[in-house]
Amino acid sequence: MKEISALEMVGRVIARFAAISGGIALLVWITWVMLDVKNMQSGFTLP
């Protein structure tokens, strides 16, 4: 196992957090759209 710098470790944590939060946000948005479909007249609405 090679040594990694503190900066690289922080970068990996930030990247992982960004990926996870992005995935959760996408799931929430898709769920929002799916639940909102019956209330929509036409097209997609952004929350």
Protein backbone atom coordinates (compact mmCIF):
# COMPACT_ATOMS: atom_id res chain seq x y z
CA MET A 1 0.00 0.00 0.00
CA LYS A 2 1.61 3.23 -1.11
CA GLU A 3 1.62 6.31 1.05
CA ILE A 4 -0.81 9.02 0.05
CA SER A 5 -0.55 12.65 1.05
CA ALA A 6 -3.04 14.31 3.38
CA LEU A 7 -4.18 16.51 0.50
CA GLU A 8 -4.95 13.46 -1.63
CA MET A 9 -6.88 11.86 1.24
CA VAL A 10 -8.94 15.05 1.71
CA GLY A 11 -9.56 15.16 -2.04
CA ARG A 12 -10.82 11.59 -2.05
CA VAL A 13 -13.17 12.27 0.87
CA ILE A 14 -14.55 15.37 -0.86
CA ALA A 15 -14.95 13.49 -4.16
CA ARG A 16 -16.77 10.62 -2.44
CA PHE A 17 -19.05 13.04 -0.58
CA ALA A 18 -19.82 14.90 -3.80
CA ALA A 19 -20.64 11.66 -5.62
CA ILE A 20 -22.89 10.38 -2.82
CA SER A 21 -24.72 13.68 -2.35
CA GLY A 22 -25.13 14.01 -6.11
CA GLY A 23 -26.63 10.53 -6.32
CA ILE A 24 -29.02 11.25 -3.46
CA ALA A 25 -30.04 14.55 -5.05
CA LEU A 26 -30.70 12.76 -8.34
CA LEU A 27 -32.85 10.14 -6.60
CA VAL A 28 -34.81 12.83 -4.74
CA TRP A 29 -35.34 14.81 -7.97
CA ILE A 30 -36.49 11.72 -9.89
CA THR A 31 -38.86 10.80 -7.05
CA TRP A 32 -40.15 14.40 -7.00
CA VAL A 33 -40.79 14.28 -10.76
CA MET A 34 -42.48 10.86 -10.58
CA LEU A 35 -44.77 12.01 -7.76
CA ASP A 36 -45.46 15.27 -9.58
CA VAL A 37 -46.37 13.62 -12.92
CA LYS A 38 -50.02 13.24 -11.96
CA ASN A 39 -50.19 16.94 -11.04
CA MET A 40 -48.44 18.21 -14.17
CA GLN A 41 -50.35 19.47 -17.16
CA SER A 42 -47.50 19.29 -19.68
CA GLY A 43 -43.73 18.99 -19.70
CA PHE A 44 -41.36 18.69 -16.79
CA THR A 45 -41.18 21.05 -13.85
CA LEU A 46 -38.03 21.84 -11.94
CA PRO A 47 -38.46 22.10 -8.20
